[in-house]
C-alpha cells in the first residue's frame, strides 16, 4: 500500500468513529404491571426501568372509562429510579372500579430529570402487561 492509501484509510476510519455515538441512551420504560381491586380503590402497579437513572419522573395521566369518557385526570409521581435498576410504584384510584377503566393515557411527561440533574433527552416509553387495560402516550 502507498502512503496515500494509508492516509485515506485512516481518515475514513476516523470519520466513521467520530460519527458513531459512543452509546445510545435507551428511554426509561414505564410498564403497567398489574391492577388490583381494593375495597375503596383500583390499585395500579407500575414498574419503571431506566438505563441512565432518573432523579424524578412525573406524568400527567388520564384514565378513560369503558365508553371513552375521561374518568380521572391526575399526576403520577414515579420518583427516582436508579441507573440500571427497577422501581415499583403503586397508585390507588379512590372510588374507582378497575373494570371501569379501559385506558390509561400518559398525556404529558411533566418532569423528567436524570440522576445528573439534566432534563431527559429521550422521553420514557409506556406499555401495559394488563390485557384489560390499554396504555397510550
Protein backbone atom coordinates (compact mmCIF):
# COMPACT_ATOMS: atom_id res chain seq x y z
CA UNK A 1 0.00 0.00 0.00
CA UNK A 2 1.07 3.50 -0.64
CA UNK A 3 1.33 6.22 1.92
CA UNK A 4 -1.65 7.96 0.31
CA UNK A 5 -3.89 4.90 0.66
CA UNK A 6 -2.89 4.57 4.35
CA UNK A 7 -3.84 8.20 4.91
CA UNK A 8 -7.19 7.70 3.15
CA UNK A 9 -7.95 4.57 5.20
CA UNK A 10 -7.01 6.32 8.44
CA UNK A 11 -9.17 9.31 7.52
CA UNK A 12 -12.16 7.12 6.67
CA UNK A 13 -11.78 5.19 9.92
CA UNK A 14 -11.59 8.42 11.93
CA UNK A 15 -14.72 9.75 10.21
CA UNK A 16 -16.61 6.52 10.85
CA UNK A 17 -15.68 6.51 14.52
CA UNK A 18 -16.47 10.18 15.03
CA UNK A 19 -19.95 9.86 13.52
CA UNK A 20 -20.86 6.81 15.59
CA UNK A 21 -22.12 7.68 19.07
CA UNK A 22 -20.24 6.06 21.94
CA UNK A 23 -23.56 4.71 23.21
CA UNK A 24 -27.26 5.26 22.61
CA UNK A 25 -29.27 6.23 25.68
CA UNK A 26 -32.29 3.97 26.00
CA UNK A 27 -35.50 5.58 27.20
CA UNK A 28 -36.94 4.81 30.60
CA UNK A 29 -39.78 2.30 30.39
CA UNK A 30 -42.94 2.69 32.47
CA UNK A 31 -44.94 -0.55 32.37
CA UNK A 32 -48.40 -1.10 33.83
CA UNK A 33 -47.58 -4.39 35.54
CA UNK A 34 -50.82 -5.26 37.33
CA UNK A 35 -54.12 -3.98 38.63
CA UNK A 36 -55.95 -4.98 41.80
CA UNK A 37 -59.32 -4.02 43.17
CA UNK A 38 -59.31 -3.00 46.84
CA UNK A 39 -62.32 -2.12 48.97
CA UNK A 40 -62.09 1.58 48.15
CA UNK A 41 -59.88 1.89 45.05
CA UNK A 42 -58.39 0.44 41.93
CA UNK A 43 -54.67 -0.09 42.57
CA UNK A 44 -52.42 0.36 39.51
CA UNK A 45 -48.93 -1.12 39.89
CA UNK A 46 -46.16 0.05 37.56
CA UNK A 47 -42.56 -0.98 37.08
CA UNK A 48 -40.11 1.67 35.94
CA UNK A 49 -36.70 0.92 34.48
CA UNK A 50 -34.12 3.47 33.41
CA UNK A 51 -30.71 2.59 31.99
CA UNK A 52 -29.42 6.10 32.69
CA UNK A 53 -31.24 6.56 36.01
CA UNK A 54 -33.77 9.22 36.94
CA UNK A 55 -33.91 11.54 39.88
CA UNK A 56 -37.53 12.45 39.17
CA UNK A 57 -40.35 11.40 36.85
CA UNK A 58 -43.87 12.84 36.91
CA UNK A 59 -46.59 12.34 34.33
CA UNK A 60 -49.92 13.98 33.60
CA UNK A 61 -52.15 10.91 33.50
CA UNK A 62 -55.72 10.47 32.29
CA UNK A 63 -57.93 7.43 32.94
CA UNK A 64 -60.72 6.70 30.47
CA UNK A 65 -63.80 4.60 31.21
CA UNK A 66 -65.17 1.82 29.01
CA UNK A 67 -67.15 4.35 26.94
CA UNK A 68 -64.08 6.50 26.24
CA UNK A 69 -65.04 9.30 28.64
CA UNK A 70 -62.42 10.90 30.89
CA UNK A 71 -62.84 9.40 34.35
CA UNK A 72 -59.80 10.81 36.19
CA UNK A 73 -57.16 13.44 35.43
CA UNK A 74 -54.16 13.31 37.78
CA UNK A 75 -50.39 13.44 38.23
CA UNK A 76 -48.41 10.25 38.83
CA UNK A 77 -45.13 10.84 40.66
CA UNK A 78 -42.84 7.89 39.93
CA UNK A 79 -39.98 9.40 41.95
CA UNK A 80 -36.37 8.32 41.48
CA UNK A 81 -35.18 5.30 39.52
CA UNK A 82 -31.61 4.06 39.96
CA UNK A 83 -29.35 3.59 36.96
CA UNK A 84 -29.76 0.07 35.56
CA UNK A 85 -32.42 -0.52 38.24
CA UNK A 86 -36.13 -1.14 38.63
CA UNK A 87 -38.64 0.68 40.80
CA UNK A 88 -42.19 -0.40 41.55
CA UNK A 89 -44.82 2.28 42.14
CA UNK A 90 -48.46 1.87 43.11
CA UNK A 91 -51.25 4.37 42.69
CA UNK A 92 -54.66 3.91 44.29
CA UNK A 93 -57.50 5.46 42.32
CA UNK A 94 -60.14 6.14 45.02
CA UNK A 95 -63.76 5.19 44.43
CA UNK A 96 -62.83 3.55 41.13
CA UNK A 97 -63.54 0.04 39.94
CA UNK A 98 -60.69 -1.45 37.88
CA UNK A 99 -63.23 -2.96 35.46
CA UNK A 100 -64.43 0.57 34.67
CA UNK A 101 -61.01 1.70 33.39
CA UNK A 102 -60.39 0.94 29.72
CA UNK A 103 -57.32 3.08 29.04
CA UNK A 104 -54.51 4.92 30.81
CA UNK A 105 -53.22 7.85 28.76
CA UNK A 106 -49.88 9.41 29.65
CA UNK A 107 -50.91 12.81 28.35
CA UNK A 108 -47.62 14.52 29.11
CA UNK A 109 -44.34 13.98 30.89
CA UNK A 110 -44.43 16.89 33.36
CA UNK A 111 -40.99 16.31 34.89
CA UNK A 112 -38.20 14.02 33.75
CA UNK A 113 -34.76 14.59 35.24
CA UNK A 114 -31.74 12.28 35.04
CA UNK A 115 -29.60 11.49 38.07
CA UNK A 116 -27.03 14.06 36.92
CA UNK A 117 -29.71 16.79 37.16
CA UNK A 118 -30.26 17.27 33.43
CA UNK A 119 -33.61 17.13 31.69
CA UNK A 120 -34.29 13.84 29.94
CA UNK A 121 -33.21 13.94 26.31
CA UNK A 122 -35.16 10.78 25.48
CA UNK A 123 -38.71 10.62 26.85
CA UNK A 124 -39.95 7.47 28.59
CA UNK A 125 -41.88 4.75 26.77
CA UNK A 126 -45.14 3.50 28.25
CA UNK A 127 -46.59 0.00 27.96
CA UNK A 128 -49.02 -2.41 29.62
CA UNK A 129 -48.88 -6.06 30.64
CA UNK A 130 -52.55 -5.93 31.60
CA UNK A 131 -54.76 -7.33 28.83
CA UNK A 132 -57.87 -5.50 30.02
CA UNK A 133 -56.28 -2.04 30.27
CA UNK A 134 -54.69 -0.22 27.34
CA UNK A 135 -51.81 2.24 27.82
CA UNK A 136 -51.12 5.07 25.39
CA UNK A 137 -48.77 8.01 25.28
